[in-house]
């Protein structure tokens, strides 16, 4: 192999590596903070929760922790949480009987895509996009069978 072929090989490998990195962009740190789900416009039946709060924090080492606390219409509080890296790998989730792991990816800095799973099988895919000012997240969830879609708006507290 001559030096031109070696150099070309290095350039191709470096280019492929950069392409793989850019396929999963680092999410904006604007996702970090406390968010409240806007409950206006939710259907009256079944009764909507009294509140839903999302807290996302940086726990170091390239990982974040997200905790969702829901106060149901009956006043009962439930909490679910997951600590994760935005790398497409499954991370254990607790507190939600329908989900036991999540995998996070970020196609661009203002979008998070979360594959929610139970027993290794996809339950749904949640996509959330940050507004330009970073104070709103518009979220949509699509069930694995693509039959159910829900939307919600999270506002920074």
N, C-alpha and C. Protein backbone atom coordinates (compact mmCIF):
# COMPACT_ATOMS: atom_id res chain seq x y z
N UNK A 1 0.86 -1.16 0.00
CA UNK A 1 0.00 0.00 0.00
C UNK A 1 0.91 1.23 0.00
N UNK A 2 0.65 2.15 -0.94
CA UNK A 2 1.48 3.36 -0.97
C UNK A 2 0.91 4.41 -0.04
N UNK A 3 1.63 5.50 0.15
CA UNK A 3 1.23 6.53 1.10
C UNK A 3 -0.07 7.22 0.70
N UNK A 4 -0.34 7.35 -0.60
CA UNK A 4 -1.60 7.97 -1.03
C UNK A 4 -2.79 7.10 -0.65
N UNK A 5 -2.66 5.77 -0.82
CA UNK A 5 -3.74 4.85 -0.45
C UNK A 5 -3.97 4.86 1.06
N UNK A 6 -2.89 4.90 1.83
CA UNK A 6 -2.99 4.95 3.28
C UNK A 6 -3.70 6.22 3.73
N UNK A 7 -3.31 7.35 3.16
CA UNK A 7 -3.92 8.64 3.51
C UNK A 7 -5.40 8.62 3.15
N UNK A 8 -5.72 8.10 1.95
CA UNK A 8 -7.12 8.02 1.54
C UNK A 8 -7.91 7.14 2.51
N UNK A 9 -7.33 6.02 2.93
CA UNK A 9 -7.99 5.14 3.89
C UNK A 9 -8.27 5.83 5.22
N UNK A 10 -7.31 6.60 5.70
CA UNK A 10 -7.48 7.34 6.96
C UNK A 10 -8.59 8.37 6.82
N UNK A 11 -8.61 9.10 5.70
CA UNK A 11 -9.64 10.12 5.46
C UNK A 11 -11.02 9.47 5.41
N UNK A 12 -11.14 8.32 4.73
CA UNK A 12 -12.43 7.64 4.64
C UNK A 12 -12.90 7.18 6.02
N UNK A 13 -12.02 6.56 6.79
CA UNK A 13 -12.38 6.09 8.14
C UNK A 13 -12.77 7.27 9.03
N UNK A 14 -12.00 8.36 8.97
CA UNK A 14 -12.32 9.55 9.77
C UNK A 14 -13.67 10.11 9.36
N UNK A 15 -13.94 10.15 8.06
CA UNK A 15 -15.22 10.66 7.57
C UNK A 15 -16.38 9.80 8.02
N UNK A 16 -16.22 8.49 7.97
CA UNK A 16 -17.27 7.59 8.43
C UNK A 16 -17.50 7.76 9.92
N UNK A 17 -16.45 7.92 10.69
CA UNK A 17 -16.58 8.11 12.14
C UNK A 17 -17.34 9.39 12.44
N UNK A 18 -17.01 10.46 11.75
CA UNK A 18 -17.72 11.73 11.97
C UNK A 18 -19.18 11.59 11.57
N UNK A 19 -19.46 10.86 10.51
CA UNK A 19 -20.83 10.64 10.09
C UNK A 19 -21.63 9.91 11.14
N UNK A 20 -21.01 8.93 11.80
CA UNK A 20 -21.71 8.19 12.85
C UNK A 20 -21.98 9.09 14.04
N UNK A 21 -21.05 9.94 14.39
CA UNK A 21 -21.25 10.85 15.52
C UNK A 21 -22.38 11.81 15.22
N UNK A 22 -22.41 12.38 14.02
CA UNK A 22 -23.43 13.38 13.72
C UNK A 22 -24.82 12.76 13.58
N UNK A 23 -24.92 11.44 13.39
CA UNK A 23 -26.22 10.79 13.29
C UNK A 23 -26.96 10.85 14.63
N UNK A 24 -26.26 11.05 15.74
CA UNK A 24 -26.87 11.19 17.05
C UNK A 24 -26.25 12.42 17.69
N UNK A 25 -26.84 13.56 17.44
CA UNK A 25 -26.31 14.83 17.93
C UNK A 25 -26.44 14.93 19.44
N UNK A 26 -25.58 15.72 20.05
CA UNK A 26 -25.70 15.98 21.48
C UNK A 26 -26.92 16.87 21.69
N UNK A 27 -27.81 16.48 22.60
CA UNK A 27 -29.00 17.31 22.82
C UNK A 27 -28.64 18.61 23.53
N UNK A 28 -29.46 19.61 23.30
CA UNK A 28 -29.25 20.90 23.93
C UNK A 28 -29.38 20.79 25.45
N UNK A 29 -28.52 21.51 26.16
CA UNK A 29 -28.62 21.54 27.62
C UNK A 29 -29.89 22.27 28.06
N UNK A 30 -30.60 22.89 27.13
CA UNK A 30 -31.86 23.56 27.47
C UNK A 30 -32.95 22.55 27.89
N UNK A 31 -32.74 21.26 27.62
CA UNK A 31 -33.69 20.26 28.11
C UNK A 31 -33.60 20.12 29.62
N UNK A 32 -32.47 20.50 30.20
CA UNK A 32 -32.28 20.39 31.64
C UNK A 32 -33.11 21.45 32.34
N UNK A 33 -33.84 21.03 33.37
CA UNK A 33 -34.67 21.97 34.13
C UNK A 33 -35.94 21.31 34.61
N UNK A 34 -36.85 22.14 35.09
CA UNK A 34 -38.14 21.68 35.60
C UNK A 34 -39.23 22.13 34.65
N UNK A 35 -40.09 21.18 34.28
CA UNK A 35 -41.12 21.40 33.28
C UNK A 35 -42.47 20.96 33.82
N UNK A 36 -43.52 21.68 33.47
CA UNK A 36 -44.87 21.28 33.83
C UNK A 36 -45.66 20.98 32.57
N UNK A 37 -46.41 19.87 32.58
CA UNK A 37 -47.25 19.53 31.44
C UNK A 37 -48.46 20.45 31.43
N UNK A 38 -48.72 21.10 30.30
CA UNK A 38 -49.88 21.98 30.13
C UNK A 38 -51.11 21.08 30.03
N UNK A 39 -51.97 21.14 31.03
CA UNK A 39 -53.13 20.26 31.09
C UNK A 39 -54.37 20.88 30.45
N UNK A 40 -54.27 22.12 30.01
CA UNK A 40 -55.41 22.77 29.34
C UNK A 40 -55.73 22.00 28.07
N UNK A 41 -57.00 21.76 27.84
CA UNK A 41 -57.41 21.07 26.62
C UNK A 41 -57.37 19.57 26.71
N UNK A 42 -56.96 19.03 27.86
CA UNK A 42 -56.99 17.57 28.00
C UNK A 42 -58.46 17.13 28.12
N UNK A 43 -58.78 15.95 27.60
CA UNK A 43 -60.17 15.49 27.68
C UNK A 43 -60.62 15.34 29.13
N UNK A 44 -61.90 15.61 29.36
CA UNK A 44 -62.45 15.54 30.72
C UNK A 44 -62.66 14.10 31.18
N UNK A 45 -62.71 13.17 30.23
CA UNK A 45 -62.92 11.78 30.59
C UNK A 45 -61.84 10.92 29.93
N UNK A 46 -61.13 10.12 30.68
CA UNK A 46 -61.15 10.09 32.15
C UNK A 46 -60.59 11.39 32.70
N UNK A 47 -60.86 11.65 33.98
CA UNK A 47 -60.37 12.91 34.56
C UNK A 47 -58.85 13.03 34.40
N UNK A 48 -58.39 14.19 33.93
CA UNK A 48 -56.94 14.39 33.76
C UNK A 48 -56.24 14.48 35.12
N UNK A 49 -54.94 14.27 35.13
CA UNK A 49 -54.20 14.44 36.40
C UNK A 49 -54.26 15.90 36.85
N UNK A 50 -54.01 16.09 38.13
CA UNK A 50 -53.97 17.47 38.66
C UNK A 50 -52.71 18.17 38.22
N UNK A 51 -51.60 17.41 38.12
CA UNK A 51 -50.34 17.99 37.64
C UNK A 51 -49.39 16.88 37.21
N UNK A 52 -48.50 17.26 36.28
CA UNK A 52 -47.43 16.37 35.85
C UNK A 52 -46.18 17.24 35.73
N UNK A 53 -45.14 16.87 36.48
CA UNK A 53 -43.90 17.65 36.51
C UNK A 53 -42.74 16.76 36.07
N UNK A 54 -41.93 17.29 35.17
CA UNK A 54 -40.73 16.62 34.68
C UNK A 54 -39.52 17.40 35.15
N UNK A 55 -38.59 16.72 35.79
CA UNK A 55 -37.33 17.34 36.20
C UNK A 55 -36.20 16.57 35.52
N UNK A 56 -35.40 17.28 34.72
CA UNK A 56 -34.25 16.67 34.06
C UNK A 56 -33.00 17.36 34.58
N UNK A 57 -32.03 16.56 35.02
CA UNK A 57 -30.79 17.12 35.57
C UNK A 57 -29.59 16.40 34.98
N UNK A 58 -28.46 17.10 34.98
CA UNK A 58 -27.19 16.54 34.52
C UNK A 58 -26.55 15.88 35.73
N UNK A 59 -26.29 14.57 35.64
CA UNK A 59 -25.70 13.84 36.77
C UNK A 59 -24.23 13.55 36.55
N UNK A 60 -23.66 14.12 35.48
CA UNK A 60 -22.23 13.95 35.20
C UNK A 60 -21.94 12.73 34.37
N UNK A 61 -20.74 12.68 33.86
CA UNK A 61 -20.30 11.54 33.06
C UNK A 61 -21.08 11.37 31.78
N UNK A 62 -21.64 12.46 31.26
CA UNK A 62 -22.43 12.38 30.03
C UNK A 62 -23.82 11.82 30.22
N UNK A 63 -24.28 11.75 31.47
CA UNK A 63 -25.61 11.20 31.74
C UNK A 63 -26.54 12.25 32.35
N UNK A 64 -27.82 12.05 32.07
CA UNK A 64 -28.88 12.88 32.62
C UNK A 64 -29.83 11.98 33.41
N UNK A 65 -30.59 12.60 34.29
CA UNK A 65 -31.63 11.89 35.03
C UNK A 65 -32.94 12.64 34.82
N UNK A 66 -33.98 11.90 34.48
CA UNK A 66 -35.31 12.50 34.32
C UNK A 66 -36.27 11.83 35.29
N UNK A 67 -37.02 12.65 36.00
CA UNK A 67 -38.02 12.18 36.95
C UNK A 67 -39.35 12.82 36.58
N UNK A 68 -40.39 12.01 36.48
CA UNK A 68 -41.74 12.51 36.20
C UNK A 68 -42.60 12.21 37.42
N UNK A 69 -43.16 13.27 37.99
CA UNK A 69 -44.06 13.11 39.14
C UNK A 69 -45.46 13.53 38.69
N UNK A 70 -46.40 12.61 38.87
CA UNK A 70 -47.78 12.84 38.46
C UNK A 70 -48.68 12.83 39.69
N UNK A 71 -49.50 13.87 39.81
CA UNK A 71 -50.53 13.91 40.85
C UNK A 71 -51.84 13.63 40.12
N UNK A 72 -52.38 12.44 40.37
CA UNK A 72 -53.59 12.02 39.68
C UNK A 72 -54.81 12.81 40.09
N UNK A 73 -55.89 12.62 39.35
CA UNK A 73 -57.15 13.29 39.66
C UNK A 73 -57.62 12.94 41.07
N UNK A 74 -57.21 11.75 41.55
CA UNK A 74 -57.58 11.29 42.89
C UNK A 74 -56.64 11.80 43.97
N UNK A 75 -55.62 12.58 43.56
CA UNK A 75 -54.65 13.13 44.53
C UNK A 75 -53.46 12.22 44.79
N UNK A 76 -53.49 10.99 44.25
CA UNK A 76 -52.39 10.04 44.45
C UNK A 76 -51.20 10.46 43.58
N UNK A 77 -50.00 10.42 44.19
CA UNK A 77 -48.78 10.80 43.49
C UNK A 77 -48.01 9.56 43.06
N UNK A 78 -47.57 9.56 41.80
CA UNK A 78 -46.69 8.51 41.30
C UNK A 78 -45.43 9.16 40.74
N UNK A 79 -44.35 8.42 40.78
CA UNK A 79 -43.08 8.95 40.30
C UNK A 79 -42.38 7.89 39.47
N UNK A 80 -41.88 8.30 38.31
CA UNK A 80 -41.06 7.40 37.49
C UNK A 80 -39.75 8.12 37.19
N UNK A 81 -38.69 7.33 37.01
CA UNK A 81 -37.40 7.96 36.73
C UNK A 81 -36.48 7.05 35.94
N UNK A 82 -35.53 7.70 35.27
CA UNK A 82 -34.52 7.00 34.49
C UNK A 82 -33.27 7.85 34.44
N UNK A 83 -32.11 7.21 34.55
CA UNK A 83 -30.81 7.86 34.38
C UNK A 83 -30.22 7.28 33.10
N UNK A 84 -29.75 8.16 32.21
CA UNK A 84 -29.40 7.72 30.87
C UNK A 84 -28.36 8.61 30.20
N UNK A 85 -27.79 8.06 29.15
CA UNK A 85 -26.98 8.82 28.20
C UNK A 85 -27.80 8.84 26.90
N UNK A 86 -27.59 9.86 26.11
CA UNK A 86 -28.31 9.95 24.84
C UNK A 86 -27.45 9.25 23.78
N UNK A 87 -27.55 7.91 23.80
CA UNK A 87 -26.67 7.09 22.96
C UNK A 87 -27.39 5.92 22.29
N UNK A 88 -28.71 5.86 22.42
CA UNK A 88 -29.48 4.79 21.78
C UNK A 88 -29.51 3.48 22.53
N UNK A 89 -28.80 3.40 23.67
CA UNK A 89 -28.79 2.16 24.46
C UNK A 89 -29.96 2.16 25.44
N UNK A 90 -30.39 0.96 25.82
CA UNK A 90 -31.47 0.83 26.79
C UNK A 90 -30.96 1.12 28.21
N UNK A 91 -31.75 1.91 28.96
CA UNK A 91 -31.45 2.20 30.36
C UNK A 91 -32.68 1.85 31.18
N UNK A 92 -32.48 1.20 32.34
CA UNK A 92 -33.63 0.80 33.16
C UNK A 92 -34.41 2.00 33.67
N UNK A 93 -35.74 1.85 33.62
CA UNK A 93 -36.65 2.89 34.10
C UNK A 93 -37.47 2.30 35.23
N UNK A 94 -37.81 3.13 36.20
CA UNK A 94 -38.60 2.64 37.33
C UNK A 94 -39.84 3.51 37.53
N UNK A 95 -40.85 2.93 38.16
CA UNK A 95 -42.02 3.67 38.56
C UNK A 95 -43.20 3.62 37.61
N UNK A 96 -43.04 3.14 36.40
CA UNK A 96 -44.13 3.03 35.44
C UNK A 96 -44.32 1.55 35.13
N UNK A 97 -45.46 0.98 35.49
CA UNK A 97 -45.65 -0.46 35.28
C UNK A 97 -45.67 -0.86 33.80
N UNK A 98 -45.85 0.10 32.90
CA UNK A 98 -45.93 -0.20 31.47
C UNK A 98 -44.59 -0.13 30.76
N UNK A 99 -43.56 0.40 31.44
CA UNK A 99 -42.26 0.62 30.82
C UNK A 99 -41.17 0.20 31.79
N UNK A 100 -40.17 -0.56 31.31
CA UNK A 100 -39.06 -0.91 32.19
C UNK A 100 -37.70 -0.47 31.66
N UNK A 101 -37.69 0.09 30.42
CA UNK A 101 -36.44 0.66 29.92
C UNK A 101 -36.73 1.72 28.86
N UNK A 102 -35.77 2.61 28.69
CA UNK A 102 -35.87 3.67 27.69
C UNK A 102 -34.54 3.74 26.94
N UNK A 103 -34.60 4.11 25.66
CA UNK A 103 -33.41 4.37 24.86
C UNK A 103 -33.57 5.75 24.24
N UNK A 104 -32.57 6.61 24.46
CA UNK A 104 -32.64 8.00 24.02
C UNK A 104 -31.71 8.25 22.84
N UNK A 105 -32.21 8.96 21.83
CA UNK A 105 -31.39 9.44 20.73
C UNK A 105 -31.73 10.89 20.49
N UNK A 106 -30.86 11.57 19.73
CA UNK A 106 -31.07 12.98 19.43
C UNK A 106 -30.65 13.26 17.99
N UNK A 107 -31.62 13.29 17.07
CA UNK A 107 -31.27 13.53 15.67
C UNK A 107 -30.74 14.94 15.41
N UNK A 108 -31.09 15.87 16.31
CA UNK A 108 -30.54 17.22 16.25
C UNK A 108 -30.57 17.78 17.67
N UNK A 109 -29.85 18.85 17.96
CA UNK A 109 -29.74 19.32 19.35
C UNK A 109 -31.05 19.69 20.03
N UNK A 110 -32.10 19.99 19.27
CA UNK A 110 -33.36 20.41 19.87
C UNK A 110 -34.44 19.33 19.84
N UNK A 111 -34.03 18.09 19.58
CA UNK A 111 -34.99 16.98 19.52
C UNK A 111 -34.46 15.79 20.31
N UNK A 112 -35.32 15.23 21.15
CA UNK A 112 -35.03 13.97 21.83
C UNK A 112 -36.06 12.94 21.36
N UNK A 113 -35.59 11.74 21.06
CA UNK A 113 -36.47 10.65 20.69
C UNK A 113 -36.25 9.55 21.72
N UNK A 114 -37.34 9.11 22.33
CA UNK A 114 -37.26 8.14 23.42
C UNK A 114 -38.06 6.89 23.03
N UNK A 115 -37.37 5.77 22.92
CA UNK A 115 -38.02 4.48 22.67
C UNK A 115 -38.32 3.88 24.04
N UNK A 116 -39.61 3.79 24.37
CA UNK A 116 -40.03 3.24 25.66
C UNK A 116 -40.37 1.77 25.47
N UNK A 117 -39.80 0.93 26.34
CA UNK A 117 -39.91 -0.52 26.16
C UNK A 117 -40.37 -1.23 27.42
N UNK A 118 -40.93 -2.41 27.21
CA UNK A 118 -41.31 -3.31 28.31
C UNK A 118 -40.87 -4.70 27.89
N UNK A 119 -40.01 -5.34 28.70
CA UNK A 119 -39.52 -6.66 28.39
C UNK A 119 -38.76 -6.71 27.06
N UNK A 120 -38.11 -5.62 26.73
CA UNK A 120 -37.33 -5.55 25.49
C UNK A 120 -38.14 -5.22 24.25
N UNK A 121 -39.46 -5.12 24.39
CA UNK A 121 -40.32 -4.83 23.24
C UNK A 121 -40.76 -3.37 23.29
N UNK A 122 -40.76 -2.74 22.12
CA UNK A 122 -41.16 -1.34 22.02
C UNK A 122 -42.63 -1.18 22.41
N UNK A 123 -42.89 -0.23 23.31
CA UNK A 123 -44.25 0.12 23.72
C UNK A 123 -44.70 1.33 22.91
N UNK A 124 -43.84 2.36 22.90
CA UNK A 124 -44.14 3.56 22.13
C UNK A 124 -42.86 4.36 21.90
N UNK A 125 -42.99 5.36 21.04
CA UNK A 125 -41.88 6.26 20.76
C UNK A 125 -42.34 7.68 21.03
N UNK A 126 -41.61 8.34 21.90
CA UNK A 126 -41.92 9.72 22.28
C UNK A 126 -40.88 10.63 21.62
N UNK A 127 -41.35 11.65 20.93
CA UNK A 127 -40.47 12.64 20.32
C UNK A 127 -40.80 13.99 20.91
N UNK A 128 -39.79 14.68 21.43
CA UNK A 128 -40.02 16.00 22.00
C UNK A 128 -39.06 17.00 21.36
N UNK A 129 -39.62 18.16 21.01
CA UNK A 129 -38.84 19.20 20.33
C UNK A 129 -38.88 20.48 21.15
N UNK A 130 -37.70 21.05 21.34
CA UNK A 130 -37.59 22.33 22.06
C UNK A 130 -37.99 23.48 21.16
N UNK A 131 -38.66 24.47 21.74
CA UNK A 131 -38.96 25.70 21.01
C UNK A 131 -37.67 26.50 20.84
N UNK A 132 -37.69 27.48 19.96
CA UNK A 132 -36.51 28.31 19.69
C UNK A 132 -36.00 29.00 20.95
N UNK A 133 -36.92 29.42 21.83
CA UNK A 133 -36.48 30.12 23.06
C UNK A 133 -36.14 29.14 24.19
N UNK A 134 -36.36 27.83 23.98
CA UNK A 134 -36.00 26.83 24.98
C UNK A 134 -36.94 26.75 26.16
N UNK A 135 -38.13 27.35 26.07
CA UNK A 135 -39.05 27.37 27.20
C UNK A 135 -40.26 26.46 27.03
N UNK A 136 -40.33 25.78 25.89
CA UNK A 136 -41.44 24.88 25.62
C UNK A 136 -40.92 23.62 24.95
N UNK A 137 -41.48 22.48 25.33
CA UNK A 137 -41.22 21.23 24.63
C UNK A 137 -42.55 20.74 24.06
N UNK A 138 -42.58 20.51 22.77
CA UNK A 138 -43.76 19.93 22.12
C UNK A 138 -43.48 18.45 21.94
N UNK A 139 -44.32 17.63 22.58
CA UNK A 139 -44.08 16.19 22.60
C UNK A 139 -45.20 15.45 21.89
N UNK A 140 -44.82 14.39 21.19
CA UNK A 140 -45.81 13.49 20.61
C UNK A 140 -45.36 12.06 20.88
N UNK A 141 -46.33 11.22 21.16
CA UNK A 141 -46.06 9.81 21.45
C UNK A 141 -46.86 8.97 20.47
N UNK A 142 -46.19 8.00 19.85
CA UNK A 142 -46.85 7.09 18.92
C UNK A 142 -46.67 5.68 19.45
N UNK A 143 -47.78 4.94 19.56
CA UNK A 143 -47.71 3.57 20.05
C UNK A 143 -46.96 2.70 19.04
N UNK A 144 -46.43 1.59 19.53
CA UNK A 144 -45.64 0.69 18.69
C UNK A 144 -46.45 0.17 17.50
N UNK A 145 -47.75 0.01 17.68
CA UNK A 145 -48.59 -0.46 16.58
C UNK A 145 -49.06 0.67 15.67
N UNK A 146 -48.61 1.89 15.99
CA UNK A 146 -48.92 3.10 15.20
C UNK A 146 -50.41 3.45 15.20
N UNK A 147 -51.18 2.88 16.14
CA UNK A 147 -52.62 3.13 16.17
C UNK A 147 -53.01 4.28 17.08
N UNK A 148 -52.11 4.64 18.01
CA UNK A 148 -52.44 5.69 18.97
C UNK A 148 -51.35 6.75 18.97
N UNK A 149 -51.77 8.00 18.87
CA UNK A 149 -50.85 9.13 18.95
C UNK A 149 -51.40 10.11 19.98
N UNK A 150 -50.53 10.55 20.87
CA UNK A 150 -50.92 11.58 21.82
C UNK A 150 -49.92 12.72 21.73
N UNK A 151 -50.36 13.91 22.10
CA UNK A 151 -49.48 15.08 22.09
C UNK A 151 -49.58 15.80 23.41
N UNK A 152 -48.56 16.55 23.72
CA UNK A 152 -48.56 17.33 24.94
C UNK A 152 -47.54 18.46 24.83
N UNK A 153 -47.74 19.46 25.65
CA UNK A 153 -46.84 20.61 25.68
C UNK A 153 -46.31 20.76 27.10
N UNK A 154 -44.97 20.77 27.22
CA UNK A 154 -44.31 20.99 28.49
C UNK A 154 -43.80 22.41 28.52
N UNK A 155 -44.07 23.12 29.62
CA UNK A 155 -43.60 24.49 29.77
C UNK A 155 -42.61 24.58 30.90
N UNK A 156 -41.53 25.32 30.67
CA UNK A 156 -40.50 25.48 31.69
C UNK A 156 -41.10 26.19 32.90
N UNK A 157 -40.77 25.67 34.09
CA UNK A 157 -41.24 26.30 35.34
C UNK A 157 -40.17 27.24 35.86
